[in-house]
Amino acid sequence: MRLARQFVVTGRVQGVGFRFFVRGAAATEGLHGWVRNLDDGRVEISAEGEAESLERFERRIRHGPPSARVEQVEVSDVGPTGNDTGFDVR
């Protein structure tokens, strides 16, 4: 079943390679979407794909790369678009 989720990640997640870590995790799971820094220091992620892939992806971003410190991840379910556009770092 294809799902789409929005994630907002709080902690030390800017300037530590977090967005590129997210892109790699998305590629591993075959997810589509994007990741971007927010002005307030958080990172926003939009990801779409199979339910099991999204679950594995979420576990990975909750840990982040070694240089990051993830404090909180807010998750929202959104409607899937069905677009297979790859995964962009914005």
N, C-alpha and C. Protein backbone atom coordinates (compact mmCIF):
# COMPACT_ATOMS: atom_id res chain seq x y z
N MET A 1 0.84 -1.18 0.00
CA MET A 1 0.00 0.00 0.00
C MET A 1 0.89 1.25 0.00
N ARG A 2 0.61 2.14 -0.90
CA ARG A 2 1.39 3.36 -1.02
C ARG A 2 0.86 4.43 -0.08
N LEU A 3 1.78 5.05 0.67
CA LEU A 3 1.44 6.10 1.63
C LEU A 3 2.35 7.30 1.41
N ALA A 4 1.96 8.42 2.01
CA ALA A 4 2.80 9.62 2.00
C ALA A 4 2.79 10.21 3.40
N ARG A 5 3.97 10.65 3.84
CA ARG A 5 4.09 11.25 5.16
C ARG A 5 4.94 12.50 5.10
N GLN A 6 4.61 13.41 5.99
CA GLN A 6 5.37 14.65 6.20
C GLN A 6 6.07 14.51 7.55
N PHE A 7 7.37 14.82 7.59
CA PHE A 7 8.14 14.75 8.83
C PHE A 7 8.75 16.12 9.09
N VAL A 8 8.75 16.55 10.33
CA VAL A 8 9.47 17.76 10.74
C VAL A 8 10.41 17.32 11.87
N VAL A 9 11.71 17.51 11.63
CA VAL A 9 12.72 17.00 12.54
C VAL A 9 13.37 18.15 13.28
N THR A 10 13.43 18.03 14.61
CA THR A 10 14.00 19.04 15.49
C THR A 10 15.27 18.50 16.13
N GLY A 11 16.23 19.37 16.35
CA GLY A 11 17.49 19.00 17.00
C GLY A 11 18.65 19.65 16.27
N ARG A 12 19.82 19.05 16.39
CA ARG A 12 20.97 19.54 15.62
C ARG A 12 20.94 18.81 14.28
N VAL A 13 20.19 19.38 13.33
CA VAL A 13 19.94 18.72 12.06
C VAL A 13 20.29 19.60 10.85
N GLN A 14 20.85 20.76 11.09
CA GLN A 14 21.32 21.60 9.99
C GLN A 14 22.84 21.77 10.12
N GLY A 15 23.50 21.74 8.97
CA GLY A 15 24.96 21.91 8.97
C GLY A 15 25.72 20.65 9.36
N VAL A 16 25.03 19.50 9.37
CA VAL A 16 25.67 18.24 9.78
C VAL A 16 25.45 17.13 8.74
N GLY A 17 25.02 17.49 7.54
CA GLY A 17 24.79 16.51 6.48
C GLY A 17 23.48 15.75 6.59
N PHE A 18 22.56 16.27 7.38
CA PHE A 18 21.30 15.55 7.61
C PHE A 18 20.49 15.40 6.34
N ARG A 19 20.37 16.45 5.55
CA ARG A 19 19.55 16.36 4.32
C ARG A 19 20.10 15.31 3.36
N PHE A 20 21.42 15.20 3.27
CA PHE A 20 22.03 14.23 2.36
C PHE A 20 21.90 12.82 2.91
N PHE A 21 21.93 12.69 4.23
CA PHE A 21 21.64 11.42 4.89
C PHE A 21 20.21 10.99 4.56
N VAL A 22 19.27 11.92 4.65
CA VAL A 22 17.86 11.63 4.35
C VAL A 22 17.71 11.20 2.90
N ARG A 23 18.37 11.90 1.98
CA ARG A 23 18.28 11.53 0.56
C ARG A 23 18.79 10.11 0.35
N GLY A 24 19.88 9.75 1.00
CA GLY A 24 20.41 8.40 0.88
C GLY A 24 19.46 7.35 1.45
N ALA A 25 18.86 7.66 2.60
CA ALA A 25 17.90 6.74 3.21
C ALA A 25 16.68 6.56 2.31
N ALA A 26 16.23 7.64 1.70
CA ALA A 26 15.08 7.57 0.79
C ALA A 26 15.42 6.73 -0.44
N ALA A 27 16.63 6.92 -0.98
CA ALA A 27 17.04 6.15 -2.16
C ALA A 27 17.11 4.66 -1.82
N THR A 28 17.63 4.33 -0.65
CA THR A 28 17.71 2.93 -0.23
C THR A 28 16.33 2.29 -0.16
N GLU A 29 15.35 3.06 0.28
CA GLU A 29 13.98 2.54 0.44
C GLU A 29 13.11 2.74 -0.79
N GLY A 30 13.63 3.37 -1.83
CA GLY A 30 12.85 3.59 -3.05
C GLY A 30 11.74 4.61 -2.88
N LEU A 31 11.96 5.59 -1.99
CA LEU A 31 10.93 6.60 -1.73
C LEU A 31 11.09 7.80 -2.65
N HIS A 32 10.02 8.53 -2.81
CA HIS A 32 10.00 9.75 -3.62
C HIS A 32 9.62 10.92 -2.72
N GLY A 33 10.13 12.12 -3.04
CA GLY A 33 9.77 13.29 -2.26
C GLY A 33 10.90 14.30 -2.20
N TRP A 34 11.03 14.96 -1.04
CA TRP A 34 12.04 16.01 -0.90
C TRP A 34 12.35 16.24 0.57
N VAL A 35 13.47 16.94 0.80
CA VAL A 35 13.89 17.35 2.13
C VAL A 35 14.41 18.78 2.02
N ARG A 36 14.14 19.60 3.05
CA ARG A 36 14.62 20.98 3.02
C ARG A 36 14.83 21.49 4.45
N ASN A 37 15.75 22.45 4.58
CA ASN A 37 15.94 23.14 5.85
C ASN A 37 14.83 24.18 6.03
N LEU A 38 14.41 24.36 7.26
CA LEU A 38 13.47 25.43 7.60
C LEU A 38 14.24 26.56 8.27
N ASP A 39 13.71 27.76 8.19
CA ASP A 39 14.39 28.93 8.75
C ASP A 39 14.61 28.84 10.26
N ASP A 40 13.80 28.06 10.96
CA ASP A 40 13.91 27.98 12.42
C ASP A 40 14.87 26.89 12.90
N GLY A 41 15.63 26.26 11.98
CA GLY A 41 16.62 25.26 12.36
C GLY A 41 16.14 23.82 12.25
N ARG A 42 14.86 23.63 11.95
CA ARG A 42 14.34 22.28 11.77
C ARG A 42 14.50 21.85 10.32
N VAL A 43 14.24 20.58 10.06
CA VAL A 43 14.28 20.03 8.71
C VAL A 43 12.91 19.43 8.41
N GLU A 44 12.39 19.72 7.21
CA GLU A 44 11.09 19.19 6.77
C GLU A 44 11.33 18.17 5.68
N ILE A 45 10.59 17.06 5.76
CA ILE A 45 10.72 15.96 4.80
C ILE A 45 9.33 15.58 4.31
N SER A 46 9.21 15.40 3.01
CA SER A 46 8.00 14.84 2.41
C SER A 46 8.43 13.56 1.71
N ALA A 47 7.84 12.42 2.11
CA ALA A 47 8.26 11.13 1.55
C ALA A 47 7.03 10.30 1.19
N GLU A 48 7.15 9.58 0.08
CA GLU A 48 6.04 8.78 -0.42
C GLU A 48 6.56 7.45 -0.93
N GLY A 49 5.86 6.38 -0.57
CA GLY A 49 6.25 5.05 -1.03
C GLY A 49 5.47 3.99 -0.30
N GLU A 50 5.95 2.77 -0.37
CA GLU A 50 5.29 1.64 0.29
C GLU A 50 5.37 1.78 1.80
N ALA A 51 4.35 1.31 2.50
CA ALA A 51 4.23 1.45 3.95
C ALA A 51 5.45 0.92 4.69
N GLU A 52 5.91 -0.28 4.36
CA GLU A 52 7.07 -0.86 5.04
C GLU A 52 8.33 -0.04 4.81
N SER A 53 8.49 0.48 3.61
CA SER A 53 9.65 1.32 3.30
C SER A 53 9.62 2.60 4.11
N LEU A 54 8.44 3.21 4.23
CA LEU A 54 8.31 4.43 5.03
C LEU A 54 8.62 4.17 6.51
N GLU A 55 8.24 3.01 7.02
CA GLU A 55 8.54 2.68 8.42
C GLU A 55 10.04 2.55 8.64
N ARG A 56 10.74 1.86 7.74
CA ARG A 56 12.20 1.73 7.86
C ARG A 56 12.87 3.09 7.73
N PHE A 57 12.38 3.91 6.79
CA PHE A 57 12.91 5.26 6.59
C PHE A 57 12.75 6.08 7.86
N GLU A 58 11.59 6.03 8.48
CA GLU A 58 11.35 6.81 9.69
C GLU A 58 12.31 6.38 10.81
N ARG A 59 12.54 5.09 10.95
CA ARG A 59 13.50 4.63 11.97
C ARG A 59 14.89 5.21 11.72
N ARG A 60 15.29 5.27 10.46
CA ARG A 60 16.62 5.81 10.14
C ARG A 60 16.71 7.30 10.43
N ILE A 61 15.67 8.06 10.07
CA ILE A 61 15.78 9.51 10.31
C ILE A 61 15.66 9.85 11.79
N ARG A 62 15.03 8.99 12.57
CA ARG A 62 14.97 9.23 14.02
C ARG A 62 16.35 9.12 14.66
N HIS A 63 17.27 8.39 14.02
CA HIS A 63 18.64 8.30 14.52
C HIS A 63 19.54 9.33 13.85
N GLY A 64 19.38 9.52 12.54
CA GLY A 64 20.19 10.49 11.80
C GLY A 64 21.63 10.04 11.64
N PRO A 65 22.43 10.87 10.98
CA PRO A 65 23.85 10.57 10.83
C PRO A 65 24.57 10.79 12.16
N PRO A 66 25.79 10.30 12.28
CA PRO A 66 26.52 10.42 13.55
C PRO A 66 26.69 11.85 14.05
N SER A 67 26.81 12.82 13.15
CA SER A 67 27.05 14.21 13.56
C SER A 67 25.78 14.95 13.97
N ALA A 68 24.62 14.36 13.75
CA ALA A 68 23.35 15.00 14.08
C ALA A 68 22.88 14.56 15.47
N ARG A 69 21.94 15.33 16.00
CA ARG A 69 21.27 14.96 17.25
C ARG A 69 19.78 15.22 17.05
N VAL A 70 19.05 14.16 16.79
CA VAL A 70 17.60 14.26 16.57
C VAL A 70 16.91 14.28 17.92
N GLU A 71 16.16 15.34 18.18
CA GLU A 71 15.45 15.46 19.45
C GLU A 71 13.98 15.10 19.32
N GLN A 72 13.38 15.42 18.18
CA GLN A 72 11.95 15.17 18.00
C GLN A 72 11.65 15.02 16.52
N VAL A 73 10.70 14.14 16.21
CA VAL A 73 10.21 13.97 14.84
C VAL A 73 8.69 14.01 14.89
N GLU A 74 8.12 15.03 14.25
CA GLU A 74 6.67 15.13 14.12
C GLU A 74 6.29 14.47 12.80
N VAL A 75 5.28 13.60 12.84
CA VAL A 75 4.88 12.85 11.65
C VAL A 75 3.41 13.11 11.35
N SER A 76 3.12 13.41 10.09
CA SER A 76 1.74 13.60 9.63
C SER A 76 1.51 12.75 8.40
N ASP A 77 0.40 12.05 8.36
CA ASP A 77 0.01 11.33 7.15
C ASP A 77 -0.62 12.32 6.19
N VAL A 78 -0.23 12.24 4.93
CA VAL A 78 -0.80 13.08 3.88
C VAL A 78 -1.20 12.17 2.73
N GLY A 79 -1.99 12.67 1.83
CA GLY A 79 -2.43 11.86 0.70
C GLY A 79 -1.33 11.65 -0.32
N PRO A 80 -1.13 10.41 -0.76
CA PRO A 80 -0.11 10.14 -1.78
C PRO A 80 -0.49 10.76 -3.12
N THR A 81 0.53 11.24 -3.82
CA THR A 81 0.31 11.84 -5.13
C THR A 81 0.45 10.82 -6.25
N GLY A 82 1.21 9.76 -5.99
CA GLY A 82 1.46 8.76 -7.03
C GLY A 82 2.58 9.15 -7.96
N ASN A 83 3.18 10.33 -7.74
CA ASN A 83 4.29 10.78 -8.60
C ASN A 83 5.58 10.04 -8.23
N ASP A 84 6.28 9.58 -9.22
CA ASP A 84 7.57 8.94 -9.02
C ASP A 84 8.64 9.89 -9.54
N THR A 85 8.98 10.87 -8.71
CA THR A 85 9.85 11.96 -9.15
C THR A 85 11.25 11.87 -8.59
N GLY A 86 11.58 10.82 -7.85
CA GLY A 86 12.87 10.75 -7.20
C GLY A 86 12.82 11.47 -5.87
N PHE A 87 13.98 11.79 -5.33
CA PHE A 87 14.03 12.45 -4.02
C PHE A 87 15.00 13.62 -4.12
N ASP A 88 14.52 14.83 -3.84
CA ASP A 88 15.31 16.06 -4.01
C ASP A 88 15.72 16.66 -2.68
N VAL A 89 16.93 17.23 -2.68
CA VAL A 89 17.38 18.07 -1.58
C VAL A 89 17.11 19.49 -2.01
N ARG A 90 16.34 20.22 -1.23
CA ARG A 90 15.99 21.60 -1.60
C ARG A 90 16.75 22.57 -0.74
